[in-house]
C-alpha atoms as a PDB file:
ATOM      1  CA  UNK A   1      98.574  80.151  68.032  1.00  0.00           C
ATOM      2  CA  UNK A   2     102.179  81.392  67.945  1.00  0.00           C
ATOM      3  CA  UNK A   3     104.172  81.144  71.169  1.00  0.00           C
ATOM      4  CA  UNK A   4     107.572  82.792  71.262  1.00  0.00           C
ATOM      5  CA  UNK A   5     110.605  81.167  72.848  1.00  0.00           C
ATOM      6  CA  UNK A   6     110.693  83.654  75.715  1.00  0.00           C
ATOM      7  CA  UNK A   7     107.254  82.530  76.939  1.00  0.00           C
ATOM      8  CA  UNK A   8     108.266  78.874  76.607  1.00  0.00           C
ATOM      9  CA  UNK A   9     111.378  79.507  78.676  1.00  0.00           C
ATOM     10  CA  UNK A  10     109.257  81.104  81.400  1.00  0.00           C
ATOM     11  CA  UNK A  11     106.476  78.505  81.666  1.00  0.00           C
ATOM     12  CA  UNK A  12     108.165  75.412  80.209  1.00  0.00           C
ATOM     13  CA  UNK A  13     106.739  73.238  77.484  1.00  0.00           C
ATOM     14  CA  UNK A  14     104.435  71.424  79.938  1.00  0.00           C
ATOM     15  CA  UNK A  15     102.374  74.546  80.680  1.00  0.00           C
ATOM     16  CA  UNK A  16     102.782  76.361  77.379  1.00  0.00           C
ATOM     17  CA  UNK A  17      99.673  78.446  76.534  1.00  0.00           C
ATOM     18  CA  UNK A  18      97.053  76.765  74.326  1.00  0.00           C
ATOM     19  CA  UNK A  19      94.462  78.435  72.128  1.00  0.00           C
ATOM     20  CA  UNK A  20      91.242  78.122  74.209  1.00  0.00           C
ATOM     21  CA  UNK A  21      89.192  77.547  71.042  1.00  0.00           C
ATOM     22  CA  UNK A  22      91.259  74.490  70.094  1.00  0.00           C
ATOM     23  CA  UNK A  23      89.464  71.126  70.068  1.00  0.00           C
ATOM     24  CA  UNK A  24      92.056  69.175  72.022  1.00  0.00           C
ATOM     25  CA  UNK A  25      90.561  65.789  71.228  1.00  0.00           C
ATOM     26  CA  UNK A  26      90.802  66.440  67.494  1.00  0.00           C
ATOM     27  CA  UNK A  27      94.193  68.143  67.791  1.00  0.00           C
ATOM     28  CA  UNK A  28      95.654  65.175  69.678  1.00  0.00           C
ATOM     29  CA  UNK A  29      94.204  62.775  67.114  1.00  0.00           C
ATOM     30  CA  UNK A  30      95.785  64.833  64.332  1.00  0.00           C
ATOM     31  CA  UNK A  31      99.179  64.812  66.056  1.00  0.00           C
ATOM     32  CA  UNK A  32      99.012  61.036  66.491  1.00  0.00           C
ATOM     33  CA  UNK A  33      98.640  60.608  62.737  1.00  0.00           C
ATOM     34  CA  UNK A  34     101.178  63.283  61.837  1.00  0.00           C
ATOM     35  CA  UNK A  35     103.892  61.942  64.148  1.00  0.00           C
ATOM     36  CA  UNK A  36     103.026  58.231  64.208  1.00  0.00           C
ATOM     37  CA  UNK A  37     102.486  58.548  67.942  1.00  0.00           C
ATOM     38  CA  UNK A  38     100.613  56.320  70.358  1.00  0.00           C
ATOM     39  CA  UNK A  39      99.063  57.356  73.680  1.00  0.00           C
ATOM     40  CA  UNK A  40      99.257  54.784  76.476  1.00  0.00           C
ATOM     41  CA  UNK A  41      97.225  55.620  79.586  1.00  0.00           C
ATOM     42  CA  UNK A  42      96.869  54.041  82.980  1.00  0.00           C
ATOM     43  CA  UNK A  43      93.420  53.425  84.440  1.00  0.00           C
ATOM     44  CA  UNK A  44      94.150  56.055  87.089  1.00  0.00           C
ATOM     45  CA  UNK A  45      94.340  58.923  84.593  1.00  0.00           C
ATOM     46  CA  UNK A  46      91.556  61.507  84.340  1.00  0.00           C
ATOM     47  CA  UNK A  47      88.606  60.471  82.090  1.00  0.00           C
ATOM     48  CA  UNK A  48      89.516  62.825  79.216  1.00  0.00           C
ATOM     49  CA  UNK A  49      92.965  61.285  78.906  1.00  0.00           C
ATOM     50  CA  UNK A  50      91.531  57.768  79.020  1.00  0.00           C
ATOM     51  CA  UNK A  51      89.155  58.741  76.222  1.00  0.00           C
ATOM     52  CA  UNK A  52      91.948  59.898  73.871  1.00  0.00           C
ATOM     53  CA  UNK A  53      94.254  56.972  74.661  1.00  0.00           C
ATOM     54  CA  UNK A  54      95.020  54.255  72.130  1.00  0.00           C
ATOM     55  CA  UNK A  55      95.496  51.770  74.938  1.00  0.00           C
ATOM     56  CA  UNK A  56      94.273  51.872  78.545  1.00  0.00           C
ATOM     57  CA  UNK A  57      95.512  49.337  81.053  1.00  0.00           C
ATOM     58  CA  UNK A  58      97.275  48.414  84.257  1.00  0.00           C
ATOM     59  CA  UNK A  59     101.034  48.129  84.604  1.00  0.00           C
ATOM     60  CA  UNK A  60     101.258  44.689  82.987  1.00  0.00           C
ATOM     61  CA  UNK A  61      99.053  45.589  80.044  1.00  0.00           C
ATOM     62  CA  UNK A  62     100.886  48.867  79.517  1.00  0.00           C
ATOM     63  CA  UNK A  63     104.279  47.147  79.552  1.00  0.00           C
ATOM     64  CA  UNK A  64     102.999  44.602  77.029  1.00  0.00           C
ATOM     65  CA  UNK A  65     101.566  47.358  74.837  1.00  0.00           C
ATOM     66  CA  UNK A  66     104.822  49.336  75.003  1.00  0.00           C
ATOM     67  CA  UNK A  67     106.802  46.235  74.056  1.00  0.00           C
ATOM     68  CA  UNK A  68     104.913  45.638  70.813  1.00  0.00           C
ATOM     69  CA  UNK A  69     104.026  49.121  69.539  1.00  0.00           C
ATOM     70  CA  UNK A  70     105.141  50.191  66.062  1.00  0.00           C
ATOM     71  CA  UNK A  71     104.778  53.893  66.845  1.00  0.00           C
ATOM     72  CA  UNK A  72     107.740  56.252  66.575  1.00  0.00           C
ATOM     73  CA  UNK A  73     106.629  58.239  69.621  1.00  0.00           C
ATOM     74  CA  UNK A  74     105.129  56.847  72.823  1.00  0.00           C
ATOM     75  CA  UNK A  75     103.220  59.365  74.926  1.00  0.00           C
ATOM     76  CA  UNK A  76     102.848  57.784  78.347  1.00  0.00           C
ATOM     77  CA  UNK A  77      99.972  59.163  80.387  1.00  0.00           C
ATOM     78  CA  UNK A  78     100.953  57.732  83.732  1.00  0.00           C
ATOM     79  CA  UNK A  79     103.803  58.239  86.165  1.00  0.00           C
ATOM     80  CA  UNK A  80     107.562  58.332  85.735  1.00  0.00           C
ATOM     81  CA  UNK A  81     108.396  54.661  86.365  1.00  0.00           C
ATOM     82  CA  UNK A  82     105.844  53.625  83.722  1.00  0.00           C
ATOM     83  CA  UNK A  83     107.379  55.891  81.094  1.00  0.00           C
ATOM     84  CA  UNK A  84     110.806  54.599  82.143  1.00  0.00           C
ATOM     85  CA  UNK A  85     109.625  51.049  81.522  1.00  0.00           C
ATOM     86  CA  UNK A  86     108.444  52.011  78.037  1.00  0.00           C
ATOM     87  CA  UNK A  87     111.872  53.531  77.314  1.00  0.00           C
ATOM     88  CA  UNK A  88     113.655  50.434  78.610  1.00  0.00           C
ATOM     89  CA  UNK A  89     111.643  48.358  76.147  1.00  0.00           C
ATOM     90  CA  UNK A  90     111.983  50.861  73.278  1.00  0.00           C
ATOM     91  CA  UNK A  91     115.458  52.425  73.196  1.00  0.00           C
ATOM     92  CA  UNK A  92     115.073  53.726  69.638  1.00  0.00           C
ATOM     93  CA  UNK A  93     111.679  55.346  70.213  1.00  0.00           C
ATOM     94  CA  UNK A  94     110.952  58.744  71.719  1.00  0.00           C
ATOM     95  CA  UNK A  95     109.065  58.321  75.011  1.00  0.00           C
ATOM     96  CA  UNK A  96     107.247  61.368  76.390  1.00  0.00           C
ATOM     97  CA  UNK A  97     105.689  61.970  79.808  1.00  0.00           C
ATOM     98  CA  UNK A  98     103.235  64.908  79.936  1.00  0.00           C
ATOM     99  CA  UNK A  99     104.605  66.049  83.309  1.00  0.00           C
ATOM    100  CA  UNK A 100     108.002  64.889  84.615  1.00  0.00           C
ATOM    101  CA  UNK A 101     106.834  65.695  88.149  1.00  0.00           C
ATOM    102  CA  UNK A 102     104.396  62.767  87.961  1.00  0.00           C
ATOM    103  CA  UNK A 103     106.307  60.499  90.293  1.00  0.00           C
ATOM    104  CA  UNK A 104     105.249  57.670  92.599  1.00  0.00           C
ATOM    105  CA  UNK A 105     105.311  57.492  96.393  1.00  0.00           C
ATOM    106  CA  UNK A 106     105.881  53.745  96.249  1.00  0.00           C
ATOM    107  CA  UNK A 107     108.838  54.034  93.865  1.00  0.00           C
ATOM    108  CA  UNK A 108     110.267  56.822  96.045  1.00  0.00           C
ATOM    109  CA  UNK A 109     110.079  54.558  99.106  1.00  0.00           C
ATOM    110  CA  UNK A 110     112.945  52.412  97.769  1.00  0.00           C
ATOM    111  CA  UNK A 111     116.152  54.451  97.296  1.00  0.00           C
ATOM    112  CA  UNK A 112     118.627  52.449  95.185  1.00  0.00           C
ATOM    113  CA  UNK A 113     121.574  52.733  97.603  1.00  0.00           C
ATOM    114  CA  UNK A 114     119.568  51.616 100.636  1.00  0.00           C
ATOM    115  CA  UNK A 115     118.051  48.762  98.690  1.00  0.00           C
ATOM    116  CA  UNK A 116     121.507  47.591  97.567  1.00  0.00           C
ATOM    117  CA  UNK A 117     122.590  47.404 101.225  1.00  0.00           C
ATOM    118  CA  UNK A 118     119.375  45.541 102.110  1.00  0.00           C
ATOM    119  CA  UNK A 119     119.936  43.092  99.256  1.00  0.00           C
ATOM    120  CA  UNK A 120     123.530  42.453 100.386  1.00  0.00           C
ATOM    121  CA  UNK A 121     122.202  41.199 103.734  1.00  0.00           C
ATOM    122  CA  UNK A 122     120.302  38.422 101.931  1.00  0.00           C
ATOM    123  CA  UNK A 123     122.861  37.064  99.431  1.00  0.00           C
ATOM    124  CA  UNK A 124     121.012  33.850  98.570  1.00  0.00           C
ATOM    125  CA  UNK A 125     117.717  35.536  97.832  1.00  0.00           C
ATOM    126  CA  UNK A 126     116.282  36.118  94.391  1.00  0.00           C
ATOM    127  CA  UNK A 127     114.826  39.617  94.018  1.00  0.00           C
ATOM    128  CA  UNK A 128     111.302  40.070  92.689  1.00  0.00           C
ATOM    129  CA  UNK A 129     110.451  43.749  92.369  1.00  0.00           C
ATOM    130  CA  UNK A 130     107.026  45.198  91.763  1.00  0.00           C
ATOM    131  CA  UNK A 131     107.033  47.250  88.569  1.00  0.00           C
ATOM    132  CA  UNK A 132     106.209  50.346  90.669  1.00  0.00           C
ATOM    133  CA  UNK A 133     109.899  51.070  91.217  1.00  0.00           C
ATOM    134  CA  UNK A 134     112.672  53.054  89.584  1.00  0.00           C
ATOM    135  CA  UNK A 135     114.944  51.744  86.837  1.00  0.00           C
ATOM    136  CA  UNK A 136     117.752  51.682  89.425  1.00  0.00           C
ATOM    137  CA  UNK A 137     115.761  49.158  91.509  1.00  0.00           C
ATOM    138  CA  UNK A 138     114.788  47.154  88.426  1.00  0.00           C
ATOM    139  CA  UNK A 139     118.490  46.880  87.583  1.00  0.00           C
ATOM    140  CA  UNK A 140     119.073  45.217  90.979  1.00  0.00           C
ATOM    141  CA  UNK A 141     116.223  42.756  90.460  1.00  0.00           C
ATOM    142  CA  UNK A 142     115.984  39.270  89.000  1.00  0.00           C
ATOM    143  CA  UNK A 143     112.338  39.452  87.935  1.00  0.00           C
ATOM    144  CA  UNK A 144     109.834  42.306  87.739  1.00  0.00           C
ATOM    145  CA  UNK A 145     106.165  41.658  88.483  1.00  0.00           C
ATOM    146  CA  UNK A 146     102.848  43.477  88.502  1.00  0.00           C
ATOM    147  CA  UNK A 147      99.832  42.867  90.709  1.00  0.00           C
ATOM    148  CA  UNK A 148      98.311  40.950  87.779  1.00  0.00           C
ATOM    149  CA  UNK A 149     101.120  38.422  87.416  1.00  0.00           C
ATOM    150  CA  UNK A 150     102.958  38.439  90.767  1.00  0.00           C
ATOM    151  CA  UNK A 151     101.429  35.199  92.053  1.00  0.00           C
ATOM    152  CA  UNK A 152     102.132  33.357  88.799  1.00  0.00           C
ATOM    153  CA  UNK A 153     105.745  34.545  88.855  1.00  0.00           C
ATOM    154  CA  UNK A 154     106.236  33.491  92.474  1.00  0.00           C
ATOM    155  CA  UNK A 155     104.648  30.092  91.803  1.00  0.00           C
ATOM    156  CA  UNK A 156     106.952  29.568  88.808  1.00  0.00           C
ATOM    157  CA  UNK A 157     109.943  29.444  91.173  1.00  0.00           C
ATOM    158  CA  UNK A 158     111.069  26.408  93.215  1.00  0.00           C
ATOM    159  CA  UNK A 159     109.506  26.247  96.676  1.00  0.00           C
ATOM    160  CA  UNK A 160     112.931  26.299  98.306  1.00  0.00           C
ATOM    161  CA  UNK A 161     114.012  29.487  96.525  1.00  0.00           C
ATOM    162  CA  UNK A 162     114.423  32.340  99.006  1.00  0.00           C
ATOM    163  CA  UNK A 163     112.963  35.628  97.771  1.00  0.00           C
ATOM    164  CA  UNK A 164     113.189  39.337  98.507  1.00  0.00           C
ATOM    165  CA  UNK A 165     110.027  41.183  97.468  1.00  0.00           C
ATOM    166  CA  UNK A 166     110.162  44.935  96.958  1.00  0.00           C
ATOM    167  CA  UNK A 167     109.075  47.645  97.338  1.00  0.00           C
ATOM    168  CA  UNK A 168     105.429  47.208  98.455  1.00  0.00           C
ATOM    169  CA  UNK A 169     105.109  45.575 101.882  1.00  0.00           C
ATOM    170  CA  UNK A 170     101.308  45.304 101.634  1.00  0.00           C
ATOM    171  CA  UNK A 171     101.336  43.517  98.282  1.00  0.00           C
ATOM    172  CA  UNK A 172     104.225  41.372  99.530  1.00  0.00           C
ATOM    173  CA  UNK A 173     102.346  40.373 102.685  1.00  0.00           C
ATOM    174  CA  UNK A 174      99.270  39.495 100.643  1.00  0.00           C
ATOM    175  CA  UNK A 175     101.381  37.379  98.267  1.00  0.00           C
ATOM    176  CA  UNK A 176     103.031  35.604 101.203  1.00  0.00           C
ATOM    177  CA  UNK A 177      99.565  34.738 102.493  1.00  0.00           C
ATOM    178  CA  UNK A 178      98.152  33.388  99.227  1.00  0.00           C
ATOM    179  CA  UNK A 179     101.349  31.643  98.061  1.00  0.00           C
ATOM    180  CA  UNK A 180     102.446  30.179 101.390  1.00  0.00           C
ATOM    181  CA  UNK A 181     105.882  31.738 100.954  1.00  0.00           C
ATOM    182  CA  UNK A 182     107.888  33.660 103.489  1.00  0.00           C
ATOM    183  CA  UNK A 183     109.421  36.330 101.285  1.00  0.00           C
ATOM    184  CA  UNK A 184     111.582  39.001 102.879  1.00  0.00           C
ATOM    185  CA  UNK A 185     109.764  42.304 102.375  1.00  0.00           C
ATOM    186  CA  UNK A 186     111.101  45.785 101.758  1.00  0.00           C
ATOM    187  CA  UNK A 187     109.245  48.336 103.887  1.00  0.00           C
ATOM    188  CA  UNK A 188     107.622  50.439 101.151  1.00  0.00           C
ATOM    189  CA  UNK A 189     104.016  51.414 100.467  1.00  0.00           C
ATOM    190  CA  UNK A 190     101.722  53.400  98.167  1.00  0.00           C
ATOM    191  CA  UNK A 191     100.295  56.552  99.729  1.00  0.00           C
ATOM    192  CA  UNK A 192      96.997  56.070  97.852  1.00  0.00           C
ATOM    193  CA  UNK A 193      96.322  52.540  99.027  1.00  0.00           C
ATOM    194  CA  UNK A 194      97.453  53.115 102.612  1.00  0.00           C
ATOM    195  CA  UNK A 195      95.064  55.990 103.222  1.00  0.00           C
ATOM    196  CA  UNK A 196      91.802  54.009 103.143  1.00  0.00           C
ATOM    197  CA  UNK A 197      89.846  54.178 106.392  1.00  0.00           C
ATOM    198  CA  UNK A 198      88.680  50.798 107.698  1.00  0.00           C
ATOM    199  CA  UNK A 199      86.190  52.536 109.974  1.00  0.00           C
ATOM    200  CA  UNK A 200      84.648  54.555 107.144  1.00  0.00           C
ATOM    201  CA  UNK A 201      84.590  51.544 104.801  1.00  0.00           C
ATOM    202  CA  UNK A 202      82.825  49.489 107.490  1.00  0.00           C
ATOM    203  CA  UNK A 203      80.182  52.212 107.883  1.00  0.00           C
ATOM    204  CA  UNK A 204      79.801  52.327 104.105  1.00  0.00           C
ATOM    205  CA  UNK A 205      79.261  48.556 104.003  1.00  0.00           C
ATOM    206  CA  UNK A 206      76.543  48.902 106.662  1.00  0.00           C
ATOM    207  CA  UNK A 207      74.816  51.589 104.557  1.00  0.00           C
ATOM    208  CA  UNK A 208      75.146  49.490 101.388  1.00  0.00           C
ATOM    209  CA  UNK A 209      74.651  45.883 102.580  1.00  0.00           C
ATOM    210  CA  UNK A 210      74.315  44.504  99.043  1.00  0.00           C
ATOM    211  CA  UNK A 211      77.497  46.162  97.806  1.00  0.00           C
ATOM    212  CA  UNK A 212      80.683  44.147  97.300  1.00  0.00           C
ATOM    213  CA  UNK A 213      84.032  45.559  98.380  1.00  0.00           C
ATOM    214  CA  UNK A 214      86.688  45.309  95.668  1.00  0.00           C
ATOM    215  CA  UNK A 215      90.257  45.999  96.822  1.00  0.00           C
ATOM    216  CA  UNK A 216      93.701  46.283  95.292  1.00  0.00           C
ATOM    217  CA  UNK A 217      96.344  44.141  97.059  1.00  0.00           C
ATOM    218  CA  UNK A 218      98.413  47.272  97.753  1.00  0.00           C
ATOM    219  CA  UNK A 219      95.830  48.048 100.463  1.00  0.00           C
ATOM    220  CA  UNK A 220      96.610  47.275 104.082  1.00  0.00           C
ATOM    221  CA  UNK A 221      95.586  43.889 105.442  1.00  0.00           C
ATOM    222  CA  UNK A 222      92.759  45.342 107.553  1.00  0.00           C
ATOM    223  CA  UNK A 223      91.073  46.521 104.336  1.00  0.00           C
ATOM    224  CA  UNK A 224      91.814  43.294 102.462  1.00  0.00           C
ATOM    225  CA  UNK A 225      90.150  41.269 105.230  1.00  0.00           C
ATOM    226  CA  UNK A 226      86.882  43.065 104.472  1.00  0.00           C
ATOM    227  CA  UNK A 227      87.106  42.600 100.706  1.00  0.00           C
ATOM    228  CA  UNK A 228      84.848  40.358  98.638  1.00  0.00           C
ATOM    229  CA  UNK A 229      87.408  40.419  95.814  1.00  0.00           C
ATOM    230  CA  UNK A 230      91.112  41.297  95.740  1.00  0.00           C
ATOM    231  CA  UNK A 231      92.880  41.955  92.451  1.00  0.00           C
ATOM    232  CA  UNK A 232      94.822  44.243  90.157  1.00  0.00           C
ATOM    233  CA  UNK A 233      93.065  47.152  88.480  1.00  0.00           C
ATOM    234  CA  UNK A 234      92.351  45.056  85.380  1.00  0.00           C
ATOM    235  CA  UNK A 235      91.135  42.131  87.484  1.00  0.00           C
ATOM    236  CA  UNK A 236      88.863  44.439  89.505  1.00  0.00           C
ATOM    237  CA  UNK A 237      87.505  45.958  86.297  1.00  0.00           C
ATOM    238  CA  UNK A 238      86.776  42.573  84.725  1.00  0.00           C
ATOM    239  CA  UNK A 239      85.228  41.213  87.928  1.00  0.00           C
ATOM    240  CA  UNK A 240      82.822  44.124  88.303  1.00  0.00           C
ATOM    241  CA  UNK A 241      81.731  43.834  84.661  1.00  0.00           C
ATOM    242  CA  UNK A 242      80.939  40.108  84.875  1.00  0.00           C
ATOM    243  CA  UNK A 243      79.737  39.756  88.462  1.00  0.00           C
ATOM    244  CA  UNK A 244      76.011  39.686  89.297  1.00  0.00           C
ATOM    245  CA  UNK A 245      76.066  42.349  92.013  1.00  0.00           C
ATOM    246  CA  UNK A 246      74.745  45.813  91.203  1.00  0.00           C
ATOM    247  CA  UNK A 247      76.700  47.851  93.751  1.00  0.00           C
ATOM    248  CA  UNK A 248      80.420  47.986  94.495  1.00  0.00           C
ATOM    249  CA  UNK A 249      82.694  49.798  96.923  1.00  0.00           C
ATOM    250  CA  UNK A 250      86.041  50.239  95.209  1.00  0.00           C
ATOM    251  CA  UNK A 251      89.252  50.412  97.253  1.00  0.00           C
ATOM    252  CA  UNK A 252      91.758  51.656  94.724  1.00  0.00           C
ATOM    253  CA  UNK A 253      92.483  54.918  92.894  1.00  0.00           C
ATOM    254  CA  UNK A 254      89.259  56.524  91.661  1.00  0.00           C
ATOM    255  CA  UNK A 255      90.392  56.785  88.027  1.00  0.00           C
ATOM    256  CA  UNK A 256      89.336  53.164  87.488  1.00  0.00           C
ATOM    257  CA  UNK A 257      85.671  54.090  88.066  1.00  0.00           C
ATOM    258  CA  UNK A 258      85.488  55.727  84.622  1.00  0.00           C
ATOM    259  CA  UNK A 259      86.120  52.426  82.843  1.00  0.00           C
ATOM    260  CA  UNK A 260      83.992  50.467  85.312  1.00  0.00           C
ATOM    261  CA  UNK A 261      81.029  52.726  84.596  1.00  0.00           C
ATOM    262  CA  UNK A 262      81.573  52.452  80.830  1.00  0.00           C
ATOM    263  CA  UNK A 263      81.597  48.647  80.978  1.00  0.00           C
ATOM    264  CA  UNK A 264      78.649  48.418  83.360  1.00  0.00           C
ATOM    265  CA  UNK A 265      76.601  51.629  83.044  1.00  0.00           C
ATOM    266  CA  UNK A 266      73.682  50.267  85.058  1.00  0.00           C
ATOM    267  CA  UNK A 267      75.786  49.424  88.099  1.00  0.00           C
ATOM    268  CA  UNK A 268      76.743  51.694  91.001  1.00  0.00           C
ATOM    269  CA  UNK A 269      80.396  52.227  91.931  1.00  0.00           C
ATOM    270  CA  UNK A 270      81.318  53.928  95.199  1.00  0.00           C
ATOM    271  CA  UNK A 271      84.907  55.033  95.907  1.00  0.00           C
ATOM    272  CA  UNK A 272      86.145  53.720  99.245  1.00  0.00           C
ATOM    273  CA  UNK A 273      86.681  56.639 101.655  1.00  0.00           C
ATOM    274  CA  UNK A 274      90.150  57.629 102.837  1.00  0.00           C
ATOM    275  CA  UNK A 275      91.142  58.792 106.304  1.00  0.00           C
ATOM    276  CA  UNK A 276      91.310  62.431 105.183  1.00  0.00           C
ATOM    277  CA  UNK A 277      88.399  64.805 104.606  1.00  0.00           C
ATOM    278  CA  UNK A 278      88.244  64.176 100.843  1.00  0.00           C
ATOM    279  CA  UNK A 279      85.299  62.171  99.554  1.00  0.00           C
ATOM    280  CA  UNK A 280      87.476  60.338  97.038  1.00  0.00           C
ATOM    281  CA  UNK A 281      90.927  58.785  96.794  1.00  0.00           C
ATOM    282  CA  UNK A 282      93.050  60.258  94.005  1.00  0.00           C
ATOM    283  CA  UNK A 283      96.747  59.808  93.309  1.00  0.00           C
ATOM    284  CA  UNK A 284      98.155  63.355  93.191  1.00  0.00           C
ATOM    285  CA  UNK A 285     100.982  62.185  90.918  1.00  0.00           C
ATOM    286  CA  UNK A 286      98.724  60.510  88.358  1.00  0.00           C
ATOM    287  CA  UNK A 287      96.466  63.531  88.306  1.00  0.00           C
ATOM    288  CA  UNK A 288      99.322  65.898  87.417  1.00  0.00           C
ATOM    289  CA  UNK A 289      98.790  64.840  83.821  1.00  0.00           C
ATOM    290  CA  UNK A 290      96.090  66.767  81.981  1.00  0.00           C
ATOM    291  CA  UNK A 291      94.771  66.803  78.436  1.00  0.00           C
ATOM    292  CA  UNK A 292      96.499  70.157  77.897  1.00  0.00           C
ATOM    293  CA  UNK A 293      99.876  68.810  79.054  1.00  0.00           C
ATOM    294  CA  UNK A 294      99.429  65.735  76.892  1.00  0.00           C
ATOM    295  CA  UNK A 295      98.787  67.929  73.853  1.00  0.00           C
ATOM    296  CA  UNK A 296     101.854  70.067  74.567  1.00  0.00           C
ATOM    297  CA  UNK A 297     104.002  66.960  75.047  1.00  0.00           C
ATOM    298  CA  UNK A 298     102.963  65.721  71.601  1.00  0.00           C
ATOM    299  CA  UNK A 299     103.315  69.138  69.980  1.00  0.00           C
ATOM    300  CA  UNK A 300     106.811  69.921  71.288  1.00  0.00           C
ATOM    301  CA  UNK A 301     107.905  66.274  71.775  1.00  0.00           C
ATOM    302  CA  UNK A 302     108.909  67.133  75.331  1.00  0.00           C
ATOM    303  CA  UNK A 303     109.457  66.244  78.162  1.00  0.00           C
ATOM    304  CA  UNK A 304     111.368  63.184  76.936  1.00  0.00           C
ATOM    305  CA  UNK A 305     112.475  60.220  79.029  1.00  0.00           C
ATOM    306  CA  UNK A 306     116.190  59.597  78.674  1.00  0.00           C
ATOM    307  CA  UNK A 307     118.309  56.862  80.193  1.00  0.00           C
ATOM    308  CA  UNK A 308     121.902  55.651  80.164  1.00  0.00           C
ATOM    309  CA  UNK A 309     122.265  52.502  78.070  1.00  0.00           C
ATOM    310  CA  UNK A 310     123.997  50.579  80.847  1.00  0.00           C
ATOM    311  CA  UNK A 311     121.052  51.166  83.192  1.00  0.00           C
ATOM    312  CA  UNK A 312     118.542  50.393  80.451  1.00  0.00           C
ATOM    313  CA  UNK A 313     120.135  47.030  79.653  1.00  0.00           C
ATOM    314  CA  UNK A 314     120.375  46.055  83.317  1.00  0.00           C
ATOM    315  CA  UNK A 315     116.701  46.959  83.793  1.00  0.00           C
ATOM    316  CA  UNK A 316     115.596  45.203  80.638  1.00  0.00           C
ATOM    317  CA  UNK A 317     116.549  41.684  81.720  1.00  0.00           C
ATOM    318  CA  UNK A 318     114.146  41.364  84.695  1.00  0.00           C
ATOM    319  CA  UNK A 319     111.348  43.070  82.722  1.00  0.00           C
ATOM    320  CA  UNK A 320     111.807  40.675  79.813  1.00  0.00           C
ATOM    321  CA  UNK A 321     111.754  37.742  82.206  1.00  0.00           C
ATOM    322  CA  UNK A 322     108.424  39.019  83.540  1.00  0.00           C
ATOM    323  CA  UNK A 323     106.987  39.354  80.040  1.00  0.00           C
ATOM    324  CA  UNK A 324     108.181  35.852  79.113  1.00  0.00           C
ATOM    325  CA  UNK A 325     106.643  34.250  82.227  1.00  0.00           C
ATOM    326  CA  UNK A 326     103.402  36.188  81.680  1.00  0.00           C
ATOM    327  CA  UNK A 327     103.207  35.085  78.041  1.00  0.00           C
ATOM    328  CA  UNK A 328     103.840  31.444  78.998  1.00  0.00           C
ATOM    329  CA  UNK A 329     101.085  31.667  81.609  1.00  0.00           C
ATOM    330  CA  UNK A 330      98.691  33.333  79.144  1.00  0.00           C
ATOM    331  CA  UNK A 331      98.416  36.455  81.302  1.00  0.00           C
ATOM    332  CA  UNK A 332      97.199  39.696  79.745  1.00  0.00           C
ATOM    333  CA  UNK A 333      96.982  43.063  81.459  1.00  0.00           C
END
């Protein structure tokens, strides 16, 4: 299907028209081989994208996969900070994000200039930043963490070491509780994990008394208090596959249910209800990516993530420290 430049200028490469008879799954597979490209997808992506991905994982696993890939092109089906992380780790590779508008409410909650002023008020504190932040915040950090490895990273530091934890206050509060630390917390949060309704979850538990509640530590404490298991997306996935229960209420983004159902097809997975009228809990940023946009990104090799080398190098150090600590602890995403 020929598309002239005038049409591309009007709609952009992201939404360029696609032949409706095209088998996108096969076309994407063909482009992978032709361009030596790899598709990395987060668990929160739509099922079709997960099914064409070469690697599916949480933030830790995706960072590890990005660090060791031999592909020339990395197509990151996730949100902007994830693609940024892949670029930080792979300066010579082309990193594509299907839709540059796929941002992150949590990353947006920590503007770099305000965080710098906050950091200056705590000069003796080491900064541990959750990977869900911009490169500008990573550059101000000492160590990056994910929900999979945060506790191990905190425990690797001397007990007397004062710490700033950013940007997620809910994850930070949970880590303070389980580690016994008193980290100073930046006041940021994820819109997806803050919207769960405790009242609706409680009613759901009453209706499904044998179901276990699985929750991501980005959830508010009131939700975490009800949970039978708290963990990262990968930890939740693994727990539900191995556990003996047959029913689960899942308090994280609904994209994870696709992999949960594939690993345990005979089990029942119920998305925890939010406070709004929707029956599910989707991240609007994650869901901006579609199979069509992914195909166009590979075809035109756009939109591309670009970064100044000074910022990349400053961001690389705390990410590499995270990867080193995770490897020493035997942690896999």
